[in-house]
């Protein structure tokens, strides 16, 4: 089941903190990305009838580093999500990827 991204809010991801989202894409190895941060980007409530902007940060393995693009992520509770990921940093724990929702 693929969820409509425009209906998801930062609260939709609150219960997913620390949980793995499975990435399966034909041209990259299957891997888990763990949700390590979900935060609102603005104190305002967003456009009338819209959602407030928010950001998600996922932690993945150190290798391979994924290129900036849309990837399918699977979550048991949220289903399949097509999310635009941008690598934003790496450390001993792995590579962090950010997804921004406007």
C-alpha atoms as a PDB file:
ATOM      1  CA  UNK A   1       0.000   0.000   0.000  1.00  0.00           C
ATOM      2  CA  UNK A   2       1.525   3.326  -1.047  1.00  0.00           C
ATOM      3  CA  UNK A   3       0.618   6.292   1.174  1.00  0.00           C
ATOM      4  CA  UNK A   4      -0.043   9.740  -0.191  1.00  0.00           C
ATOM      5  CA  UNK A   5       2.957  11.783   0.960  1.00  0.00           C
ATOM      6  CA  UNK A   6       1.035  15.054   0.987  1.00  0.00           C
ATOM      7  CA  UNK A   7      -1.218  13.696   3.767  1.00  0.00           C
ATOM      8  CA  UNK A   8       1.667  12.813   6.085  1.00  0.00           C
ATOM      9  CA  UNK A   9       2.740  15.204   8.850  1.00  0.00           C
ATOM     10  CA  UNK A  10       5.602  15.274  11.336  1.00  0.00           C
ATOM     11  CA  UNK A  11       3.199  13.604  13.783  1.00  0.00           C
ATOM     12  CA  UNK A  12       2.755  10.717  11.320  1.00  0.00           C
ATOM     13  CA  UNK A  13       6.384   9.819  11.977  1.00  0.00           C
ATOM     14  CA  UNK A  14       6.410  10.278  15.788  1.00  0.00           C
ATOM     15  CA  UNK A  15       5.864   6.567  16.456  1.00  0.00           C
ATOM     16  CA  UNK A  16       8.516   5.645  13.879  1.00  0.00           C
ATOM     17  CA  UNK A  17      11.487   7.190  15.697  1.00  0.00           C
ATOM     18  CA  UNK A  18      14.292   4.655  16.031  1.00  0.00           C
ATOM     19  CA  UNK A  19      12.616   2.252  13.614  1.00  0.00           C
ATOM     20  CA  UNK A  20      14.025   0.973  10.339  1.00  0.00           C
ATOM     21  CA  UNK A  21      12.605   1.794   6.927  1.00  0.00           C
ATOM     22  CA  UNK A  22      13.604  -0.805   4.317  1.00  0.00           C
ATOM     23  CA  UNK A  23      15.042   0.536   1.072  1.00  0.00           C
ATOM     24  CA  UNK A  24      14.794  -1.815  -1.885  1.00  0.00           C
ATOM     25  CA  UNK A  25      15.819  -0.427  -5.250  1.00  0.00           C
ATOM     26  CA  UNK A  26      17.057  -2.439  -8.216  1.00  0.00           C
ATOM     27  CA  UNK A  27      20.277  -0.455  -8.685  1.00  0.00           C
ATOM     28  CA  UNK A  28      21.417  -0.270  -5.023  1.00  0.00           C
ATOM     29  CA  UNK A  29      21.855  -2.933  -2.336  1.00  0.00           C
ATOM     30  CA  UNK A  30      18.851  -3.419  -0.044  1.00  0.00           C
ATOM     31  CA  UNK A  31      19.407  -1.647   3.277  1.00  0.00           C
ATOM     32  CA  UNK A  32      17.679  -0.303   6.339  1.00  0.00           C
ATOM     33  CA  UNK A  33      17.540   3.416   7.064  1.00  0.00           C
ATOM     34  CA  UNK A  34      16.696   4.233  10.689  1.00  0.00           C
ATOM     35  CA  UNK A  35      14.607   7.322  11.428  1.00  0.00           C
ATOM     36  CA  UNK A  36      16.684   9.341  13.907  1.00  0.00           C
ATOM     37  CA  UNK A  37      14.980  12.753  13.748  1.00  0.00           C
ATOM     38  CA  UNK A  38      11.586  14.215  12.864  1.00  0.00           C
ATOM     39  CA  UNK A  39      11.117  17.931  13.426  1.00  0.00           C
ATOM     40  CA  UNK A  40       8.887  20.801  12.402  1.00  0.00           C
ATOM     41  CA  UNK A  41      10.585  23.460  10.301  1.00  0.00           C
ATOM     42  CA  UNK A  42       8.279  26.304  11.216  1.00  0.00           C
ATOM     43  CA  UNK A  43       6.195  27.518  14.137  1.00  0.00           C
ATOM     44  CA  UNK A  44       3.396  28.345  11.717  1.00  0.00           C
ATOM     45  CA  UNK A  45       0.827  25.751  10.772  1.00  0.00           C
ATOM     46  CA  UNK A  46       1.534  25.839   7.037  1.00  0.00           C
ATOM     47  CA  UNK A  47      -0.690  26.952   4.195  1.00  0.00           C
ATOM     48  CA  UNK A  48      -4.452  26.978   4.816  1.00  0.00           C
ATOM     49  CA  UNK A  49      -5.621  23.436   4.314  1.00  0.00           C
ATOM     50  CA  UNK A  50      -2.001  22.286   4.033  1.00  0.00           C
ATOM     51  CA  UNK A  51       0.504  20.854   6.423  1.00  0.00           C
ATOM     52  CA  UNK A  52       3.310  22.504   8.320  1.00  0.00           C
ATOM     53  CA  UNK A  53       6.728  21.880   6.730  1.00  0.00           C
ATOM     54  CA  UNK A  54       8.911  19.287   8.432  1.00  0.00           C
ATOM     55  CA  UNK A  55      12.164  17.399   8.093  1.00  0.00           C
ATOM     56  CA  UNK A  56      13.121  13.759   8.622  1.00  0.00           C
ATOM     57  CA  UNK A  57      16.656  12.470   9.130  1.00  0.00           C
ATOM     58  CA  UNK A  58      17.522   8.828   8.491  1.00  0.00           C
ATOM     59  CA  UNK A  59      20.750   7.016   9.388  1.00  0.00           C
ATOM     60  CA  UNK A  60      22.067   4.461   6.914  1.00  0.00           C
ATOM     61  CA  UNK A  61      25.204   2.349   6.564  1.00  0.00           C
ATOM     62  CA  UNK A  62      28.525   4.033   5.779  1.00  0.00           C
ATOM     63  CA  UNK A  63      28.746   2.256   2.455  1.00  0.00           C
ATOM     64  CA  UNK A  64      27.345   2.710  -0.101  1.00  0.00           C
ATOM     65  CA  UNK A  65      26.497   6.403   0.084  1.00  0.00           C
ATOM     66  CA  UNK A  66      23.218   6.926  -1.743  1.00  0.00           C
ATOM     67  CA  UNK A  67      22.984   9.636  -4.390  1.00  0.00           C
ATOM     68  CA  UNK A  68      20.474  12.452  -3.939  1.00  0.00           C
ATOM     69  CA  UNK A  69      17.173  11.236  -5.446  1.00  0.00           C
ATOM     70  CA  UNK A  70      13.815   9.583  -4.765  1.00  0.00           C
ATOM     71  CA  UNK A  71      13.928   6.157  -3.082  1.00  0.00           C
ATOM     72  CA  UNK A  72      11.167   3.736  -2.089  1.00  0.00           C
ATOM     73  CA  UNK A  73      11.121   3.164   1.677  1.00  0.00           C
ATOM     74  CA  UNK A  74       8.950   0.516   3.354  1.00  0.00           C
ATOM     75  CA  UNK A  75       7.608   0.827   6.873  1.00  0.00           C
ATOM     76  CA  UNK A  76       5.349  -1.785   8.500  1.00  0.00           C
ATOM     77  CA  UNK A  77       3.014   0.919   9.822  1.00  0.00           C
ATOM     78  CA  UNK A  78       3.241   3.577   7.078  1.00  0.00           C
ATOM     79  CA  UNK A  79       3.556   1.304   4.046  1.00  0.00           C
ATOM     80  CA  UNK A  80       5.567   2.188   0.960  1.00  0.00           C
ATOM     81  CA  UNK A  81       6.736   5.784   0.653  1.00  0.00           C
ATOM     82  CA  UNK A  82       8.613   7.369  -2.250  1.00  0.00           C
ATOM     83  CA  UNK A  83      10.899   9.861  -0.491  1.00  0.00           C
ATOM     84  CA  UNK A  84      13.482  12.301  -1.879  1.00  0.00           C
ATOM     85  CA  UNK A  85      16.636  11.742   0.186  1.00  0.00           C
ATOM     86  CA  UNK A  86      19.688  13.986   0.339  1.00  0.00           C
ATOM     87  CA  UNK A  87      22.931  12.825   1.996  1.00  0.00           C
ATOM     88  CA  UNK A  88      23.780  15.454   4.631  1.00  0.00           C
ATOM     89  CA  UNK A  89      26.724  13.998   6.527  1.00  0.00           C
ATOM     90  CA  UNK A  90      28.664  10.967   7.617  1.00  0.00           C
ATOM     91  CA  UNK A  91      30.348   9.892  10.833  1.00  0.00           C
ATOM     92  CA  UNK A  92      31.409   6.668  12.548  1.00  0.00           C
ATOM     93  CA  UNK A  93      27.744   5.625  12.900  1.00  0.00           C
ATOM     94  CA  UNK A  94      26.950   5.900   9.195  1.00  0.00           C
ATOM     95  CA  UNK A  95      25.509   8.325   6.648  1.00  0.00           C
ATOM     96  CA  UNK A  96      22.654  10.698   7.464  1.00  0.00           C
ATOM     97  CA  UNK A  97      20.004  11.477   4.859  1.00  0.00           C
ATOM     98  CA  UNK A  98      17.462  14.278   5.091  1.00  0.00           C
ATOM     99  CA  UNK A  99      13.989  14.459   3.572  1.00  0.00           C
ATOM    100  CA  UNK A 100      12.159  17.808   3.657  1.00  0.00           C
ATOM    101  CA  UNK A 101       8.378  18.007   3.308  1.00  0.00           C
ATOM    102  CA  UNK A 102       6.801  21.380   2.402  1.00  0.00           C
END
